[in-house]
mmCIF file of all heavy atoms, coordinates in Angstrom:
data_MODEL
# 
_entry.id   MODEL 
# 
loop_
_atom_site.group_PDB 
_atom_site.id 
_atom_site.type_symbol 
_atom_site.label_atom_id 
_atom_site.label_alt_id 
_atom_site.label_comp_id 
_atom_site.label_asym_id 
_atom_site.label_entity_id 
_atom_site.label_seq_id 
_atom_site.pdbx_PDB_ins_code 
_atom_site.Cartn_x 
_atom_site.Cartn_y 
_atom_site.Cartn_z 
_atom_site.occupancy 
_atom_site.B_iso_or_equiv 
_atom_site.pdbx_formal_charge 
_atom_site.auth_seq_id 
_atom_site.auth_comp_id 
_atom_site.auth_asym_id 
_atom_site.auth_atom_id 
_atom_site.pdbx_PDB_model_num 
ATOM 1   N N   . ASP A 1 1  ? -19.231 39.457 -258.296 1.00 0.00 ? 1  ASP A N   1 
ATOM 2   C CA  . ASP A 1 1  ? -18.575 39.957 -257.097 1.00 0.00 ? 1  ASP A CA  1 
ATOM 3   C C   . ASP A 1 1  ? -19.604 40.244 -256.001 1.00 0.00 ? 1  ASP A C   1 
ATOM 4   O O   . ASP A 1 1  ? -20.810 40.117 -256.217 1.00 0.00 ? 1  ASP A O   1 
ATOM 5   C CB  . ASP A 1 1  ? -17.779 41.224 -257.425 1.00 0.00 ? 1  ASP A CB  1 
ATOM 6   C CG  . ASP A 1 1  ? -16.554 40.928 -258.276 1.00 0.00 ? 1  ASP A CG  1 
ATOM 7   O OD1 . ASP A 1 1  ? -16.227 39.739 -258.456 1.00 0.00 ? 1  ASP A OD1 1 
ATOM 8   O OD2 . ASP A 1 1  ? -15.916 41.885 -258.765 1.00 0.00 ? 1  ASP A OD2 1 
ATOM 9   N N   . ILE A 1 2  ? -19.122 40.656 -254.837 1.00 0.00 ? 2  ILE A N   1 
ATOM 10  C CA  . ILE A 1 2  ? -19.965 40.885 -253.679 1.00 0.00 ? 2  ILE A CA  1 
ATOM 11  C C   . ILE A 1 2  ? -19.929 42.367 -253.303 1.00 0.00 ? 2  ILE A C   1 
ATOM 12  O O   . ILE A 1 2  ? -18.881 43.010 -253.382 1.00 0.00 ? 2  ILE A O   1 
ATOM 13  C CB  . ILE A 1 2  ? -19.495 40.017 -252.494 1.00 0.00 ? 2  ILE A CB  1 
ATOM 14  C CG1 . ILE A 1 2  ? -19.606 38.530 -252.867 1.00 0.00 ? 2  ILE A CG1 1 
ATOM 15  C CG2 . ILE A 1 2  ? -20.309 40.314 -251.228 1.00 0.00 ? 2  ILE A CG2 1 
ATOM 16  C CD1 . ILE A 1 2  ? -18.982 37.598 -251.845 1.00 0.00 ? 2  ILE A CD1 1 
ATOM 17  N N   . ASP A 1 3  ? -21.070 42.891 -252.893 1.00 0.00 ? 3  ASP A N   1 
ATOM 18  C CA  . ASP A 1 3  ? -21.179 44.286 -252.468 1.00 0.00 ? 3  ASP A CA  1 
ATOM 19  C C   . ASP A 1 3  ? -20.166 44.576 -251.349 1.00 0.00 ? 3  ASP A C   1 
ATOM 20  O O   . ASP A 1 3  ? -20.253 43.994 -250.262 1.00 0.00 ? 3  ASP A O   1 
ATOM 21  C CB  . ASP A 1 3  ? -22.604 44.540 -251.967 1.00 0.00 ? 3  ASP A CB  1 
ATOM 22  C CG  . ASP A 1 3  ? -22.831 45.996 -251.562 1.00 0.00 ? 3  ASP A CG  1 
ATOM 23  O OD1 . ASP A 1 3  ? -21.894 46.796 -251.617 1.00 0.00 ? 3  ASP A OD1 1 
ATOM 24  O OD2 . ASP A 1 3  ? -23.984 46.309 -251.194 1.00 0.00 ? 3  ASP A OD2 1 
ATOM 25  N N   . PRO A 1 4  ? -19.199 45.467 -251.574 1.00 0.00 ? 4  PRO A N   1 
ATOM 26  C CA  . PRO A 1 4  ? -18.179 45.739 -250.557 1.00 0.00 ? 4  PRO A CA  1 
ATOM 27  C C   . PRO A 1 4  ? -18.741 46.261 -249.232 1.00 0.00 ? 4  PRO A C   1 
ATOM 28  O O   . PRO A 1 4  ? -18.097 46.132 -248.186 1.00 0.00 ? 4  PRO A O   1 
ATOM 29  C CB  . PRO A 1 4  ? -17.281 46.787 -251.220 1.00 0.00 ? 4  PRO A CB  1 
ATOM 30  C CG  . PRO A 1 4  ? -17.498 46.610 -252.685 1.00 0.00 ? 4  PRO A CG  1 
ATOM 31  C CD  . PRO A 1 4  ? -18.933 46.209 -252.816 1.00 0.00 ? 4  PRO A CD  1 
ATOM 32  N N   . LYS A 1 5  ? -19.931 46.848 -249.259 1.00 0.00 ? 5  LYS A N   1 
ATOM 33  C CA  . LYS A 1 5  ? -20.543 47.327 -248.020 1.00 0.00 ? 5  LYS A CA  1 
ATOM 34  C C   . LYS A 1 5  ? -20.732 46.184 -247.022 1.00 0.00 ? 5  LYS A C   1 
ATOM 35  O O   . LYS A 1 5  ? -20.728 46.410 -245.810 1.00 0.00 ? 5  LYS A O   1 
ATOM 36  C CB  . LYS A 1 5  ? -21.892 47.973 -248.307 1.00 0.00 ? 5  LYS A CB  1 
ATOM 37  C CG  . LYS A 1 5  ? -21.826 49.312 -249.015 1.00 0.00 ? 5  LYS A CG  1 
ATOM 38  C CD  . LYS A 1 5  ? -23.220 49.887 -249.227 1.00 0.00 ? 5  LYS A CD  1 
ATOM 39  C CE  . LYS A 1 5  ? -23.170 51.232 -249.942 1.00 0.00 ? 5  LYS A CE  1 
ATOM 40  N NZ  . LYS A 1 5  ? -24.539 51.782 -250.178 1.00 0.00 ? 5  LYS A NZ  1 
ATOM 41  N N   . LEU A 1 6  ? -20.898 44.971 -247.537 1.00 0.00 ? 6  LEU A N   1 
ATOM 42  C CA  . LEU A 1 6  ? -21.159 43.830 -246.663 1.00 0.00 ? 6  LEU A CA  1 
ATOM 43  C C   . LEU A 1 6  ? -19.939 43.437 -245.842 1.00 0.00 ? 6  LEU A C   1 
ATOM 44  O O   . LEU A 1 6  ? -20.061 42.722 -244.849 1.00 0.00 ? 6  LEU A O   1 
ATOM 45  C CB  . LEU A 1 6  ? -21.647 42.640 -247.486 1.00 0.00 ? 6  LEU A CB  1 
ATOM 46  C CG  . LEU A 1 6  ? -23.035 42.807 -248.111 1.00 0.00 ? 6  LEU A CG  1 
ATOM 47  C CD1 . LEU A 1 6  ? -23.334 41.662 -249.066 1.00 0.00 ? 6  LEU A CD1 1 
ATOM 48  C CD2 . LEU A 1 6  ? -24.114 42.884 -247.028 1.00 0.00 ? 6  LEU A CD2 1 
ATOM 49  N N   . PHE A 1 7  ? -18.760 43.879 -246.258 1.00 0.00 ? 7  PHE A N   1 
ATOM 50  C CA  . PHE A 1 7  ? -17.572 43.610 -245.454 1.00 0.00 ? 7  PHE A CA  1 
ATOM 51  C C   . PHE A 1 7  ? -16.834 44.900 -245.107 1.00 0.00 ? 7  PHE A C   1 
ATOM 52  O O   . PHE A 1 7  ? -15.634 44.915 -244.857 1.00 0.00 ? 7  PHE A O   1 
ATOM 53  C CB  . PHE A 1 7  ? -16.638 42.584 -246.109 1.00 0.00 ? 7  PHE A CB  1 
ATOM 54  C CG  . PHE A 1 7  ? -16.342 42.820 -247.582 1.00 0.00 ? 7  PHE A CG  1 
ATOM 55  C CD1 . PHE A 1 7  ? -15.208 43.496 -247.985 1.00 0.00 ? 7  PHE A CD1 1 
ATOM 56  C CD2 . PHE A 1 7  ? -17.197 42.316 -248.548 1.00 0.00 ? 7  PHE A CD2 1 
ATOM 57  C CE1 . PHE A 1 7  ? -14.929 43.693 -249.332 1.00 0.00 ? 7  PHE A CE1 1 
ATOM 58  C CE2 . PHE A 1 7  ? -16.918 42.491 -249.900 1.00 0.00 ? 7  PHE A CE2 1 
ATOM 59  C CZ  . PHE A 1 7  ? -15.794 43.186 -250.288 1.00 0.00 ? 7  PHE A CZ  1 
ATOM 60  N N   . GLY A 1 8  ? -17.597 46.006 -245.061 1.00 0.00 ? 8  GLY A N   1 
ATOM 61  C CA  . GLY A 1 8  ? -17.084 47.256 -244.527 1.00 0.00 ? 8  GLY A CA  1 
ATOM 62  C C   . GLY A 1 8  ? -16.046 47.962 -245.351 1.00 0.00 ? 8  GLY A C   1 
ATOM 63  O O   . GLY A 1 8  ? -15.186 48.669 -244.815 1.00 0.00 ? 8  GLY A O   1 
ATOM 64  N N   . GLN A 1 9  ? -16.117 47.827 -246.686 1.00 0.00 ? 9  GLN A N   1 
ATOM 65  C CA  . GLN A 1 9  ? -15.139 48.484 -247.551 1.00 0.00 ? 9  GLN A CA  1 
ATOM 66  C C   . GLN A 1 9  ? -15.838 49.295 -248.631 1.00 0.00 ? 9  GLN A C   1 
ATOM 67  O O   . GLN A 1 9  ? -17.019 49.062 -248.952 1.00 0.00 ? 9  GLN A O   1 
ATOM 68  C CB  . GLN A 1 9  ? -14.227 47.446 -248.222 1.00 0.00 ? 9  GLN A CB  1 
ATOM 69  C CG  . GLN A 1 9  ? -13.341 46.671 -247.259 1.00 0.00 ? 9  GLN A CG  1 
ATOM 70  C CD  . GLN A 1 9  ? -12.431 45.681 -247.978 1.00 0.00 ? 9  GLN A CD  1 
ATOM 71  O OE1 . GLN A 1 9  ? -12.196 45.801 -249.180 1.00 0.00 ? 9  GLN A OE1 1 
ATOM 72  N NE2 . GLN A 1 9  ? -11.911 44.717 -247.240 1.00 0.00 ? 9  GLN A NE2 1 
ATOM 73  N N   . LEU A 1 10 ? -15.126 50.263 -249.188 1.00 0.00 ? 10 LEU A N   1 
ATOM 74  C CA  . LEU A 1 10 ? -15.568 50.970 -250.371 1.00 0.00 ? 10 LEU A CA  1 
ATOM 75  C C   . LEU A 1 10 ? -15.115 50.183 -251.604 1.00 0.00 ? 10 LEU A C   1 
ATOM 76  O O   . LEU A 1 10 ? -14.148 49.420 -251.524 1.00 0.00 ? 10 LEU A O   1 
ATOM 77  C CB  . LEU A 1 10 ? -14.969 52.381 -250.413 1.00 0.00 ? 10 LEU A CB  1 
ATOM 78  C CG  . LEU A 1 10 ? -15.409 53.330 -249.288 1.00 0.00 ? 10 LEU A CG  1 
ATOM 79  C CD1 . LEU A 1 10 ? -14.589 54.614 -249.344 1.00 0.00 ? 10 LEU A CD1 1 
ATOM 80  C CD2 . LEU A 1 10 ? -16.899 53.636 -249.397 1.00 0.00 ? 10 LEU A CD2 1 
ATOM 81  N N   . PRO A 1 11 ? -15.801 50.328 -252.734 1.00 0.00 ? 11 PRO A N   1 
ATOM 82  C CA  . PRO A 1 11 ? -15.379 49.603 -253.942 1.00 0.00 ? 11 PRO A CA  1 
ATOM 83  C C   . PRO A 1 11 ? -13.952 49.951 -254.348 1.00 0.00 ? 11 PRO A C   1 
ATOM 84  O O   . PRO A 1 11 ? -13.609 51.117 -254.519 1.00 0.00 ? 11 PRO A O   1 
ATOM 85  C CB  . PRO A 1 11 ? -16.385 50.080 -255.000 1.00 0.00 ? 11 PRO A CB  1 
ATOM 86  C CG  . PRO A 1 11 ? -17.583 50.513 -254.214 1.00 0.00 ? 11 PRO A CG  1 
ATOM 87  C CD  . PRO A 1 11 ? -17.033 51.103 -252.947 1.00 0.00 ? 11 PRO A CD  1 
ATOM 88  N N   . GLU A 1 12 ? -13.120 48.925 -254.449 1.00 0.00 ? 12 GLU A N   1 
ATOM 89  C CA  . GLU A 1 12 ? -11.728 49.123 -254.853 1.00 0.00 ? 12 GLU A CA  1 
ATOM 90  C C   . GLU A 1 12 ? -11.245 47.843 -255.519 1.00 0.00 ? 12 GLU A C   1 
ATOM 91  O O   . GLU A 1 12 ? -10.567 47.021 -254.924 1.00 0.00 ? 12 GLU A O   1 
ATOM 92  C CB  . GLU A 1 12 ? -10.852 49.459 -253.645 1.00 0.00 ? 12 GLU A CB  1 
ATOM 93  C CG  . GLU A 1 12 ? -9.447  49.885 -254.018 1.00 0.00 ? 12 GLU A CG  1 
ATOM 94  C CD  . GLU A 1 12 ? -8.643  50.338 -252.808 1.00 0.00 ? 12 GLU A CD  1 
ATOM 95  O OE1 . GLU A 1 12 ? -9.225  50.526 -251.732 1.00 0.00 ? 12 GLU A OE1 1 
ATOM 96  O OE2 . GLU A 1 12 ? -7.419  50.501 -252.962 1.00 0.00 ? 12 GLU A OE2 1 
ATOM 97  N N   . GLY A 1 13 ? -11.636 47.689 -256.772 1.00 0.00 ? 13 GLY A N   1 
ATOM 98  C CA  . GLY A 1 13 ? -11.295 46.474 -257.503 1.00 0.00 ? 13 GLY A CA  1 
ATOM 99  C C   . GLY A 1 13 ? -12.488 45.567 -257.739 1.00 0.00 ? 13 GLY A C   1 
ATOM 100 O O   . GLY A 1 13 ? -12.425 44.657 -258.566 1.00 0.00 ? 13 GLY A O   1 
ATOM 101 N N   . THR A 1 14 ? -13.577 45.819 -257.023 1.00 0.00 ? 14 THR A N   1 
ATOM 102 C CA  . THR A 1 14 ? -14.797 45.041 -257.235 1.00 0.00 ? 14 THR A CA  1 
ATOM 103 C C   . THR A 1 14 ? -15.414 45.412 -258.570 1.00 0.00 ? 14 THR A C   1 
ATOM 104 O O   . THR A 1 14 ? -15.443 46.590 -258.947 1.00 0.00 ? 14 THR A O   1 
ATOM 105 C CB  . THR A 1 14 ? -15.805 45.291 -256.095 1.00 0.00 ? 14 THR A CB  1 
ATOM 106 O OG1 . THR A 1 14 ? -15.297 44.698 -254.903 1.00 0.00 ? 14 THR A OG1 1 
ATOM 107 C CG2 . THR A 1 14 ? -17.156 44.677 -256.405 1.00 0.00 ? 14 THR A CG2 1 
ATOM 108 N N   . ARG A 1 15 ? -15.927 44.428 -259.275 1.00 0.00 ? 15 ARG A N   1 
ATOM 109 C CA  . ARG A 1 15 ? -16.550 44.649 -260.577 1.00 0.00 ? 15 ARG A CA  1 
ATOM 110 C C   . ARG A 1 15 ? -18.061 44.628 -260.414 1.00 0.00 ? 15 ARG A C   1 
ATOM 111 O O   . ARG A 1 15 ? -18.589 45.231 -259.485 1.00 0.00 ? 15 ARG A O   1 
ATOM 112 C CB  . ARG A 1 15 ? -16.045 43.593 -261.562 1.00 0.00 ? 15 ARG A CB  1 
ATOM 113 C CG  . ARG A 1 15 ? -14.527 43.669 -261.772 1.00 0.00 ? 15 ARG A CG  1 
ATOM 114 C CD  . ARG A 1 15 ? -13.975 42.482 -262.529 1.00 0.00 ? 15 ARG A CD  1 
ATOM 115 N NE  . ARG A 1 15 ? -12.523 42.561 -262.655 1.00 0.00 ? 15 ARG A NE  1 
ATOM 116 C CZ  . ARG A 1 15 ? -11.767 41.578 -263.140 1.00 0.00 ? 15 ARG A CZ  1 
ATOM 117 N NH1 . ARG A 1 15 ? -12.316 40.426 -263.527 1.00 0.00 ? 15 ARG A NH1 1 
ATOM 118 N NH2 . ARG A 1 15 ? -10.453 41.723 -263.210 1.00 0.00 ? 15 ARG A NH2 1 
ATOM 119 N N   . SER A 1 16 ? -18.785 43.976 -261.276 1.00 0.00 ? 16 SER A N   1 
ATOM 120 C CA  . SER A 1 16 ? -20.243 43.983 -261.203 1.00 0.00 ? 16 SER A CA  1 
ATOM 121 C C   . SER A 1 16 ? -20.724 43.162 -260.017 1.00 0.00 ? 16 SER A C   1 
ATOM 122 O O   . SER A 1 16 ? -20.201 42.080 -259.737 1.00 0.00 ? 16 SER A O   1 
ATOM 123 C CB  . SER A 1 16 ? -20.837 43.425 -262.495 1.00 0.00 ? 16 SER A CB  1 
ATOM 124 O OG  . SER A 1 16 ? -20.425 42.093 -262.709 1.00 0.00 ? 16 SER A OG  1 
ATOM 125 N N   . PHE A 1 17 ? -21.711 43.685 -259.296 1.00 0.00 ? 17 PHE A N   1 
ATOM 126 C CA  . PHE A 1 17 ? -22.292 42.958 -258.177 1.00 0.00 ? 17 PHE A CA  1 
ATOM 127 C C   . PHE A 1 17 ? -23.776 43.317 -258.061 1.00 0.00 ? 17 PHE A C   1 
ATOM 128 O O   . PHE A 1 17 ? -24.233 44.324 -258.597 1.00 0.00 ? 17 PHE A O   1 
ATOM 129 C CB  . PHE A 1 17 ? -21.551 43.242 -256.865 1.00 0.00 ? 17 PHE A CB  1 
ATOM 130 C CG  . PHE A 1 17 ? -21.509 44.687 -256.454 1.00 0.00 ? 17 PHE A CG  1 
ATOM 131 C CD1 . PHE A 1 17 ? -22.474 45.212 -255.612 1.00 0.00 ? 17 PHE A CD1 1 
ATOM 132 C CD2 . PHE A 1 17 ? -20.495 45.530 -256.907 1.00 0.00 ? 17 PHE A CD2 1 
ATOM 133 C CE1 . PHE A 1 17 ? -22.444 46.549 -255.220 1.00 0.00 ? 17 PHE A CE1 1 
ATOM 134 C CE2 . PHE A 1 17 ? -20.449 46.864 -256.521 1.00 0.00 ? 17 PHE A CE2 1 
ATOM 135 C CZ  . PHE A 1 17 ? -21.423 47.372 -255.678 1.00 0.00 ? 17 PHE A CZ  1 
ATOM 136 N N   . ASP A 1 18 ? -24.500 42.480 -257.355 1.00 0.00 ? 18 ASP A N   1 
ATOM 137 C CA  . ASP A 1 18 ? -25.948 42.620 -257.211 1.00 0.00 ? 18 ASP A CA  1 
ATOM 138 C C   . ASP A 1 18 ? -26.267 42.653 -255.720 1.00 0.00 ? 18 ASP A C   1 
ATOM 139 O O   . ASP A 1 18 ? -26.370 41.609 -255.077 1.00 0.00 ? 18 ASP A O   1 
ATOM 140 C CB  . ASP A 1 18 ? -26.644 41.440 -257.895 1.00 0.00 ? 18 ASP A CB  1 
ATOM 141 C CG  . ASP A 1 18 ? -28.151 41.542 -257.881 1.00 0.00 ? 18 ASP A CG  1 
ATOM 142 O OD1 . ASP A 1 18 ? -28.706 42.237 -257.021 1.00 0.00 ? 18 ASP A OD1 1 
ATOM 143 O OD2 . ASP A 1 18 ? -28.796 40.891 -258.738 1.00 0.00 ? 18 ASP A OD2 1 
ATOM 144 N N   . PRO A 1 19 ? -26.412 43.841 -255.131 1.00 0.00 ? 19 PRO A N   1 
ATOM 145 C CA  . PRO A 1 19 ? -26.637 43.941 -253.687 1.00 0.00 ? 19 PRO A CA  1 
ATOM 146 C C   . PRO A 1 19 ? -27.856 43.172 -253.201 1.00 0.00 ? 19 PRO A C   1 
ATOM 147 O O   . PRO A 1 19 ? -27.810 42.557 -252.125 1.00 0.00 ? 19 PRO A O   1 
ATOM 148 C CB  . PRO A 1 19 ? -26.805 45.450 -253.469 1.00 0.00 ? 19 PRO A CB  1 
ATOM 149 C CG  . PRO A 1 19 ? -26.083 46.091 -254.605 1.00 0.00 ? 19 PRO A CG  1 
ATOM 150 C CD  . PRO A 1 19 ? -26.313 45.173 -255.760 1.00 0.00 ? 19 PRO A CD  1 
ATOM 151 N N   . ALA A 1 20 ? -28.939 43.184 -253.964 1.00 0.00 ? 20 ALA A N   1 
ATOM 152 C CA  . ALA A 1 20 ? -30.151 42.476 -253.543 1.00 0.00 ? 20 ALA A CA  1 
ATOM 153 C C   . ALA A 1 20 ? -29.911 40.970 -253.509 1.00 0.00 ? 20 ALA A C   1 
ATOM 154 O O   . ALA A 1 20 ? -30.334 40.278 -252.575 1.00 0.00 ? 20 ALA A O   1 
ATOM 155 C CB  . ALA A 1 20 ? -31.311 42.816 -254.478 1.00 0.00 ? 20 ALA A CB  1 
ATOM 156 N N   . LEU A 1 21 ? -29.231 40.446 -254.524 1.00 0.00 ? 21 LEU A N   1 
ATOM 157 C CA  . LEU A 1 21 ? -28.921 39.018 -254.566 1.00 0.00 ? 21 LEU A CA  1 
ATOM 158 C C   . LEU A 1 21 ? -28.024 38.633 -253.394 1.00 0.00 ? 21 LEU A C   1 
ATOM 159 O O   . LEU A 1 21 ? -28.265 37.610 -252.735 1.00 0.00 ? 21 LEU A O   1 
ATOM 160 C CB  . LEU A 1 21 ? -28.229 38.675 -255.885 1.00 0.00 ? 21 LEU A CB  1 
ATOM 161 C CG  . LEU A 1 21 ? -27.677 37.254 -256.027 1.00 0.00 ? 21 LEU A CG  1 
ATOM 162 C CD1 . LEU A 1 21 ? -28.792 36.221 -255.926 1.00 0.00 ? 21 LEU A CD1 1 
ATOM 163 C CD2 . LEU A 1 21 ? -26.915 37.102 -257.347 1.00 0.00 ? 21 LEU A CD2 1 
ATOM 164 N N   . ASP A 1 22 ? -27.008 39.421 -253.132 1.00 0.00 ? 22 ASP A N   1 
ATOM 165 C CA  . ASP A 1 22 ? -26.103 39.128 -252.020 1.00 0.00 ? 22 ASP A CA  1 
ATOM 166 C C   . ASP A 1 22 ? -26.871 38.991 -250.708 1.00 0.00 ? 22 ASP A C   1 
ATOM 167 O O   . ASP A 1 22 ? -26.633 38.066 -249.921 1.00 0.00 ? 22 ASP A O   1 
ATOM 168 C CB  . ASP A 1 22 ? -25.062 40.237 -251.867 1.00 0.00 ? 22 ASP A CB  1 
ATOM 169 C CG  . ASP A 1 22 ? -24.135 40.358 -253.063 1.00 0.00 ? 22 ASP A CG  1 
ATOM 170 O OD1 . ASP A 1 22 ? -24.060 39.398 -253.858 1.00 0.00 ? 22 ASP A OD1 1 
ATOM 171 O OD2 . ASP A 1 22 ? -23.477 41.412 -253.192 1.00 0.00 ? 22 ASP A OD2 1 
ATOM 172 N N   . ARG A 1 23 ? -27.786 39.893 -250.468 1.00 0.00 ? 23 ARG A N   1 
ATOM 173 C CA  . ARG A 1 23 ? -28.524 39.890 -249.208 1.00 0.00 ? 23 ARG A CA  1 
ATOM 174 C C   . ARG A 1 23 ? -29.520 38.740 -249.126 1.00 0.00 ? 23 ARG A C   1 
ATOM 175 O O   . ARG A 1 23 ? -29.745 38.184 -248.038 1.00 0.00 ? 23 ARG A O   1 
ATOM 176 C CB  . ARG A 1 23 ? -29.191 41.253 -248.997 1.00 0.00 ? 23 ARG A CB  1 
ATOM 177 C CG  . ARG A 1 23 ? -28.163 42.321 -248.592 1.00 0.00 ? 23 ARG A CG  1 
ATOM 178 C CD  . ARG A 1 23 ? -28.586 43.746 -248.908 1.00 0.00 ? 23 ARG A CD  1 
ATOM 179 N NE  . ARG A 1 23 ? -27.581 44.706 -248.454 1.00 0.00 ? 23 ARG A NE  1 
ATOM 180 C CZ  . ARG A 1 23 ? -26.457 44.979 -249.109 1.00 0.00 ? 23 ARG A CZ  1 
ATOM 181 N NH1 . ARG A 1 23 ? -26.170 44.363 -250.246 1.00 0.00 ? 23 ARG A NH1 1 
ATOM 182 N NH2 . ARG A 1 23 ? -25.597 45.862 -248.621 1.00 0.00 ? 23 ARG A NH2 1 
ATOM 183 N N   . LEU A 1 24 ? -30.114 38.381 -250.244 1.00 0.00 ? 24 LEU A N   1 
ATOM 184 C CA  . LEU A 1 24 ? -30.987 37.204 -250.261 1.00 0.00 ? 24 LEU A CA  1 
ATOM 185 C C   . LEU A 1 24 ? -30.208 35.946 -249.922 1.00 0.00 ? 24 LEU A C   1 
ATOM 186 O O   . LEU A 1 24 ? -30.639 35.117 -249.120 1.00 0.00 ? 24 LEU A O   1 
ATOM 187 C CB  . LEU A 1 24 ? -31.644 37.050 -251.641 1.00 0.00 ? 24 LEU A CB  1 
ATOM 188 C CG  . LEU A 1 24 ? -32.873 37.896 -251.949 1.00 0.00 ? 24 LEU A CG  1 
ATOM 189 C CD1 . LEU A 1 24 ? -33.251 37.740 -253.423 1.00 0.00 ? 24 LEU A CD1 1 
ATOM 190 C CD2 . LEU A 1 24 ? -34.049 37.491 -251.069 1.00 0.00 ? 24 LEU A CD2 1 
ATOM 191 N N   . GLN A 1 25 ? -29.032 35.803 -250.531 1.00 0.00 ? 25 GLN A N   1 
ATOM 192 C CA  . GLN A 1 25 ? -28.215 34.618 -250.279 1.00 0.00 ? 25 GLN A CA  1 
ATOM 193 C C   . GLN A 1 25 ? -27.728 34.568 -248.833 1.00 0.00 ? 25 GLN A C   1 
ATOM 194 O O   . GLN A 1 25 ? -27.711 33.502 -248.219 1.00 0.00 ? 25 GLN A O   1 
ATOM 195 C CB  . GLN A 1 25 ? -27.035 34.585 -251.254 1.00 0.00 ? 25 GLN A CB  1 
ATOM 196 C CG  . GLN A 1 25 ? -27.475 34.312 -252.692 1.00 0.00 ? 25 GLN A CG  1 
ATOM 197 C CD  . GLN A 1 25 ? -26.330 34.380 -253.681 1.00 0.00 ? 25 GLN A CD  1 
ATOM 198 O OE1 . GLN A 1 25 ? -25.457 35.244 -253.576 1.00 0.00 ? 25 GLN A OE1 1 
ATOM 199 N NE2 . GLN A 1 25 ? -26.328 33.485 -254.647 1.00 0.00 ? 25 GLN A NE2 1 
ATOM 200 N N   . LEU A 1 26 ? -27.381 35.707 -248.267 1.00 0.00 ? 26 LEU A N   1 
ATOM 201 C CA  . LEU A 1 26 ? -26.948 35.735 -246.873 1.00 0.00 ? 26 LEU A CA  1 
ATOM 202 C C   . LEU A 1 26 ? -28.093 35.394 -245.924 1.00 0.00 ? 26 LEU A C   1 
ATOM 203 O O   . LEU A 1 26 ? -27.889 34.730 -244.901 1.00 0.00 ? 26 LEU A O   1 
ATOM 204 C CB  . LEU A 1 26 ? -26.363 37.104 -246.524 1.00 0.00 ? 26 LEU A CB  1 
ATOM 205 C CG  . LEU A 1 26 ? -24.956 37.382 -247.065 1.00 0.00 ? 26 LEU A CG  1 
ATOM 206 C CD1 . LEU A 1 26 ? -24.598 38.855 -246.887 1.00 0.00 ? 26 LEU A CD1 1 
ATOM 207 C CD2 . LEU A 1 26 ? -23.919 36.495 -246.379 1.00 0.00 ? 26 LEU A CD2 1 
ATOM 208 N N   . ALA A 1 27 ? -29.309 35.825 -246.259 1.00 0.00 ? 27 ALA A N   1 
ATOM 209 C CA  . ALA A 1 27 ? -30.464 35.502 -245.428 1.00 0.00 ? 27 ALA A CA  1 
ATOM 210 C C   . ALA A 1 27 ? -30.746 33.999 -245.451 1.00 0.00 ? 27 ALA A C   1 
ATOM 211 O O   . ALA A 1 27 ? -31.071 33.397 -244.416 1.00 0.00 ? 27 ALA A O   1 
ATOM 212 C CB  . ALA A 1 27 ? -31.685 36.280 -245.908 1.00 0.00 ? 27 ALA A CB  1 
ATOM 213 N N   . ILE A 1 28 ? -30.617 33.390 -246.619 1.00 0.00 ? 28 ILE A N   1 
ATOM 214 C CA  . ILE A 1 28 ? -30.811 31.943 -246.727 1.00 0.00 ? 28 ILE A CA  1 
ATOM 215 C C   . ILE A 1 28 ? -29.715 31.211 -245.966 1.00 0.00 ? 28 ILE A C   1 
ATOM 216 O O   . ILE A 1 28 ? -29.970 30.239 -245.242 1.00 0.00 ? 28 ILE A O   1 
ATOM 217 C CB  . ILE A 1 28 ? -30.844 31.510 -248.210 1.00 0.00 ? 28 ILE A CB  1 
ATOM 218 C CG1 . ILE A 1 28 ? -32.088 32.089 -248.891 1.00 0.00 ? 28 ILE A CG1 1 
ATOM 219 C CG2 . ILE A 1 28 ? -30.828 29.992 -248.330 1.00 0.00 ? 28 ILE A CG2 1 
ATOM 220 C CD1 . ILE A 1 28 ? -32.104 31.908 -250.394 1.00 0.00 ? 28 ILE A CD1 1 
ATOM 221 N N   . LEU A 1 29 ? -28.477 31.675 -246.112 1.00 0.00 ? 29 LEU A N   1 
ATOM 222 C CA  . LEU A 1 29 ? -27.366 31.075 -245.368 1.00 0.00 ? 29 LEU A CA  1 
ATOM 223 C C   . LEU A 1 29 ? -27.631 31.132 -243.868 1.00 0.00 ? 29 LEU A C   1 
ATOM 224 O O   . LEU A 1 29 ? -27.426 30.137 -243.155 1.00 0.00 ? 29 LEU A O   1 
ATOM 225 C CB  . LEU A 1 29 ? -26.067 31.805 -245.703 1.00 0.00 ? 29 LEU A CB  1 
ATOM 226 C CG  . LEU A 1 29 ? -24.833 31.445 -244.869 1.00 0.00 ? 29 LEU A CG  1 
ATOM 227 C CD1 . LEU A 1 29 ? -24.499 29.965 -244.985 1.00 0.00 ? 29 LEU A CD1 1 
ATOM 228 C CD2 . LEU A 1 29 ? -23.643 32.312 -245.274 1.00 0.00 ? 29 LEU A CD2 1 
ATOM 229 N N   . LYS A 1 30 ? -28.105 32.261 -243.383 1.00 0.00 ? 30 LYS A N   1 
ATOM 230 C CA  . LYS A 1 30 ? -28.391 32.398 -241.951 1.00 0.00 ? 30 LYS A CA  1 
ATOM 231 C C   . LYS A 1 30 ? -29.394 31.351 -241.482 1.00 0.00 ? 30 LYS A C   1 
ATOM 232 O O   . LYS A 1 30 ? -29.220 30.738 -240.418 1.00 0.00 ? 30 LYS A O   1 
ATOM 233 C CB  . LYS A 1 30 ? -28.934 33.795 -241.656 1.00 0.00 ? 30 LYS A CB  1 
ATOM 234 C CG  . LYS A 1 30 ? -29.261 34.015 -240.183 1.00 0.00 ? 30 LYS A CG  1 
ATOM 235 C CD  . LYS A 1 30 ? -29.774 35.430 -239.930 1.00 0.00 ? 30 LYS A CD  1 
ATOM 236 C CE  . LYS A 1 30 ? -30.099 35.628 -238.449 1.00 0.00 ? 30 LYS A CE  1 
ATOM 237 N NZ  . LYS A 1 30 ? -30.589 37.018 -238.183 1.00 0.00 ? 30 LYS A NZ  1 
# 
């Protein structure tokens, strides 16, 4: 799953996620 902070929400149904990985992938996408 994806860190809910990245889309302005609190965790509500999100399971395991890796905030560092999410941000690395978004930086590469950019």
